[in-house]
Amino acid sequence: MGDRPYTLALWRVQPGREREFVQAWKELGEAFRGLPDPPGEGTLVQSVEDPQRFYSFGWWQRLEDIQAMRADPEAAAMLAKLAALCTEAQPGAYRVVATAAGAAPPQRP
């Protein structure tokens, strides 16, 4: 179950810089697409109760791909840009250890 690694990060964005952060996160995705072994789809979510709190996550083919991304100068610069917009940044690599079945998400019109 835990073969596919994920990156997951908590971002606490400086007040008033939320839009700038979202734009920088999208730019990070563009940088990731240029990697030799890019990740799968990434997702950024924002807390409804605390608009300065964001989480991002996405899957990668191999843990080595995450390590290579962190060593890539462009990706590292983009991650630093994101962190500079935050009061807290906690990125990490994870593996799935369990899942629970549920309803499929609704389709967007």
C-alpha atoms as a PDB file:
ATOM      1  CA  MET A   1       0.000   0.000   0.000  1.00  0.00           C
ATOM      2  CA  GLY A   2       2.814   2.422   0.811  1.00  0.00           C
ATOM      3  CA  ASP A   3       4.774   2.125  -2.444  1.00  0.00           C
ATOM      4  CA  ARG A   4       3.799   5.493  -3.910  1.00  0.00           C
ATOM      5  CA  PRO A   5       5.289   8.423  -1.960  1.00  0.00           C
ATOM      6  CA  TYR A   6       3.500  11.717  -1.433  1.00  0.00           C
ATOM      7  CA  THR A   7       4.651  15.161  -0.506  1.00  0.00           C
ATOM      8  CA  LEU A   8       2.493  16.957   2.042  1.00  0.00           C
ATOM      9  CA  ALA A   9       3.110  20.431   3.411  1.00  0.00           C
ATOM     10  CA  LEU A  10       1.505  22.758   5.922  1.00  0.00           C
ATOM     11  CA  TRP A  11       1.846  26.410   4.973  1.00  0.00           C
ATOM     12  CA  ARG A  12       0.835  29.266   7.306  1.00  0.00           C
ATOM     13  CA  VAL A  13       0.776  32.291   5.011  1.00  0.00           C
ATOM     14  CA  GLN A  14       1.407  35.846   6.157  1.00  0.00           C
ATOM     15  CA  PRO A  15      -1.898  37.766   6.460  1.00  0.00           C
ATOM     16  CA  GLY A  16      -2.841  39.504   3.231  1.00  0.00           C
ATOM     17  CA  ARG A  17      -0.461  37.416   1.084  1.00  0.00           C
ATOM     18  CA  GLU A  18      -2.819  34.536   0.333  1.00  0.00           C
ATOM     19  CA  ARG A  19      -3.327  35.339  -3.365  1.00  0.00           C
ATOM     20  CA  GLU A  20       0.385  35.847  -3.876  1.00  0.00           C
ATOM     21  CA  PHE A  21       1.010  32.485  -2.210  1.00  0.00           C
ATOM     22  CA  VAL A  22      -1.502  30.689  -4.443  1.00  0.00           C
ATOM     23  CA  GLN A  23       0.142  32.182  -7.536  1.00  0.00           C
ATOM     24  CA  ALA A  24       3.600  31.162  -6.320  1.00  0.00           C
ATOM     25  CA  TRP A  25       2.320  27.633  -5.629  1.00  0.00           C
ATOM     26  CA  LYS A  26       1.050  27.407  -9.218  1.00  0.00           C
ATOM     27  CA  GLU A  27       4.493  28.526 -10.414  1.00  0.00           C
ATOM     28  CA  LEU A  28       6.023  25.755  -8.314  1.00  0.00           C
ATOM     29  CA  GLY A  29       3.840  23.291 -10.211  1.00  0.00           C
ATOM     30  CA  GLU A  30       5.209  24.658 -13.486  1.00  0.00           C
ATOM     31  CA  ALA A  31       8.759  24.156 -12.179  1.00  0.00           C
ATOM     32  CA  PHE A  32       7.881  20.590 -11.158  1.00  0.00           C
ATOM     33  CA  ARG A  33       6.654  19.810 -14.683  1.00  0.00           C
ATOM     34  CA  GLY A  34      10.158  20.596 -15.926  1.00  0.00           C
ATOM     35  CA  LEU A  35      11.778  17.959 -13.711  1.00  0.00           C
ATOM     36  CA  PRO A  36      13.087  14.754 -15.324  1.00  0.00           C
ATOM     37  CA  ASP A  37      10.587  12.724 -13.242  1.00  0.00           C
ATOM     38  CA  PRO A  38       7.730  15.106 -12.402  1.00  0.00           C
ATOM     39  CA  PRO A  39       5.041  14.330  -9.835  1.00  0.00           C
ATOM     40  CA  GLY A  40       1.431  13.483 -10.489  1.00  0.00           C
ATOM     41  CA  GLU A  41      -1.307  16.031  -9.902  1.00  0.00           C
ATOM     42  CA  GLY A  42      -0.741  18.334  -6.956  1.00  0.00           C
ATOM     43  CA  THR A  43      -3.482  19.834  -4.805  1.00  0.00           C
ATOM     44  CA  LEU A  44      -3.536  22.991  -2.692  1.00  0.00           C
ATOM     45  CA  VAL A  45      -6.294  23.414  -0.106  1.00  0.00           C
ATOM     46  CA  GLN A  46      -7.065  26.409   2.110  1.00  0.00           C
ATOM     47  CA  SER A  47      -8.712  26.236   5.524  1.00  0.00           C
ATOM     48  CA  VAL A  48     -12.217  27.666   5.645  1.00  0.00           C
ATOM     49  CA  GLU A  49     -11.846  28.548   9.346  1.00  0.00           C
ATOM     50  CA  ASP A  50      -8.274  29.891   9.114  1.00  0.00           C
ATOM     51  CA  PRO A  51      -7.612  31.434   5.652  1.00  0.00           C
ATOM     52  CA  GLN A  52      -3.876  31.735   6.318  1.00  0.00           C
ATOM     53  CA  ARG A  53      -3.537  27.932   6.682  1.00  0.00           C
ATOM     54  CA  PHE A  54      -2.939  25.905   3.510  1.00  0.00           C
ATOM     55  CA  TYR A  55      -2.005  22.302   2.855  1.00  0.00           C
ATOM     56  CA  SER A  56      -0.529  20.983  -0.364  1.00  0.00           C
ATOM     57  CA  PHE A  57      -0.081  17.374  -1.390  1.00  0.00           C
ATOM     58  CA  GLY A  58       0.710  15.266  -4.413  1.00  0.00           C
ATOM     59  CA  TRP A  59       2.035  11.879  -5.405  1.00  0.00           C
ATOM     60  CA  TRP A  60       5.351  10.932  -6.951  1.00  0.00           C
ATOM     61  CA  GLN A  61       6.484   7.742  -8.673  1.00  0.00           C
ATOM     62  CA  ARG A  62       9.464   7.140  -6.378  1.00  0.00           C
ATOM     63  CA  LEU A  63      10.983   8.577  -3.211  1.00  0.00           C
ATOM     64  CA  GLU A  64      14.144   9.246  -5.241  1.00  0.00           C
ATOM     65  CA  ASP A  65      12.109  11.633  -7.420  1.00  0.00           C
ATOM     66  CA  ILE A  66      11.246  13.700  -4.337  1.00  0.00           C
ATOM     67  CA  GLN A  67      14.906  13.760  -3.335  1.00  0.00           C
ATOM     68  CA  ALA A  68      15.903  14.842  -6.853  1.00  0.00           C
ATOM     69  CA  MET A  69      13.268  17.607  -6.782  1.00  0.00           C
ATOM     70  CA  ARG A  70      14.682  18.949  -3.525  1.00  0.00           C
ATOM     71  CA  ALA A  71      18.161  18.992  -5.062  1.00  0.00           C
ATOM     72  CA  ASP A  72      16.968  20.793  -8.211  1.00  0.00           C
ATOM     73  CA  PRO A  73      18.007  24.489  -8.059  1.00  0.00           C
ATOM     74  CA  GLU A  74      14.828  25.841  -9.699  1.00  0.00           C
ATOM     75  CA  ALA A  75      12.493  23.766  -7.511  1.00  0.00           C
ATOM     76  CA  ALA A  76      14.479  24.711  -4.392  1.00  0.00           C
ATOM     77  CA  ALA A  77      14.231  28.406  -5.327  1.00  0.00           C
ATOM     78  CA  MET A  78      10.467  28.108  -5.809  1.00  0.00           C
ATOM     79  CA  LEU A  79      10.061  26.337  -2.460  1.00  0.00           C
ATOM     80  CA  ALA A  80      12.103  29.117  -0.839  1.00  0.00           C
ATOM     81  CA  LYS A  81       9.821  31.693  -2.489  1.00  0.00           C
ATOM     82  CA  LEU A  82       6.782  29.960  -1.001  1.00  0.00           C
ATOM     83  CA  ALA A  83       8.378  29.736   2.431  1.00  0.00           C
ATOM     84  CA  ALA A  84       9.218  33.468   2.323  1.00  0.00           C
ATOM     85  CA  LEU A  85       5.484  34.198   2.054  1.00  0.00           C
ATOM     86  CA  CYS A  86       4.805  32.168   5.185  1.00  0.00           C
ATOM     87  CA  THR A  87       5.228  32.407   8.917  1.00  0.00           C
ATOM     88  CA  GLU A  88       5.424  28.592   8.997  1.00  0.00           C
ATOM     89  CA  ALA A  89       6.289  26.011   6.333  1.00  0.00           C
ATOM     90  CA  GLN A  90       6.443  22.279   7.037  1.00  0.00           C
ATOM     91  CA  PRO A  91       6.984  20.220   3.878  1.00  0.00           C
ATOM     92  CA  GLY A  92       7.623  16.498   4.119  1.00  0.00           C
ATOM     93  CA  ALA A  93       7.553  13.143   2.337  1.00  0.00           C
ATOM     94  CA  TYR A  94       4.978  10.540   3.330  1.00  0.00           C
ATOM     95  CA  ARG A  95       3.637   7.132   2.379  1.00  0.00           C
ATOM     96  CA  VAL A  96       0.071   5.845   2.502  1.00  0.00           C
ATOM     97  CA  VAL A  97      -0.493   3.359   5.325  1.00  0.00           C
ATOM     98  CA  ALA A  98      -4.303   3.042   5.184  1.00  0.00           C
ATOM     99  CA  THR A  99      -7.318   4.205   3.216  1.00  0.00           C
ATOM    100  CA  ALA A 100     -11.042   4.210   3.913  1.00  0.00           C
ATOM    101  CA  ALA A 101     -13.757   3.812   1.302  1.00  0.00           C
ATOM    102  CA  GLY A 102     -16.224   6.630   0.855  1.00  0.00           C
ATOM    103  CA  ALA A 103     -18.432   8.206  -1.745  1.00  0.00           C
ATOM    104  CA  ALA A 104     -16.805   9.476  -4.895  1.00  0.00           C
ATOM    105  CA  PRO A 105     -16.470  13.270  -4.991  1.00  0.00           C
ATOM    106  CA  PRO A 106     -19.141  15.038  -7.036  1.00  0.00           C
ATOM    107  CA  GLN A 107     -18.253  15.909 -10.609  1.00  0.00           C
ATOM    108  CA  ARG A 108     -17.820  19.573 -11.453  1.00  0.00           C
ATOM    109  CA  PRO A 109     -20.301  20.903 -14.006  1.00  0.00           C
END
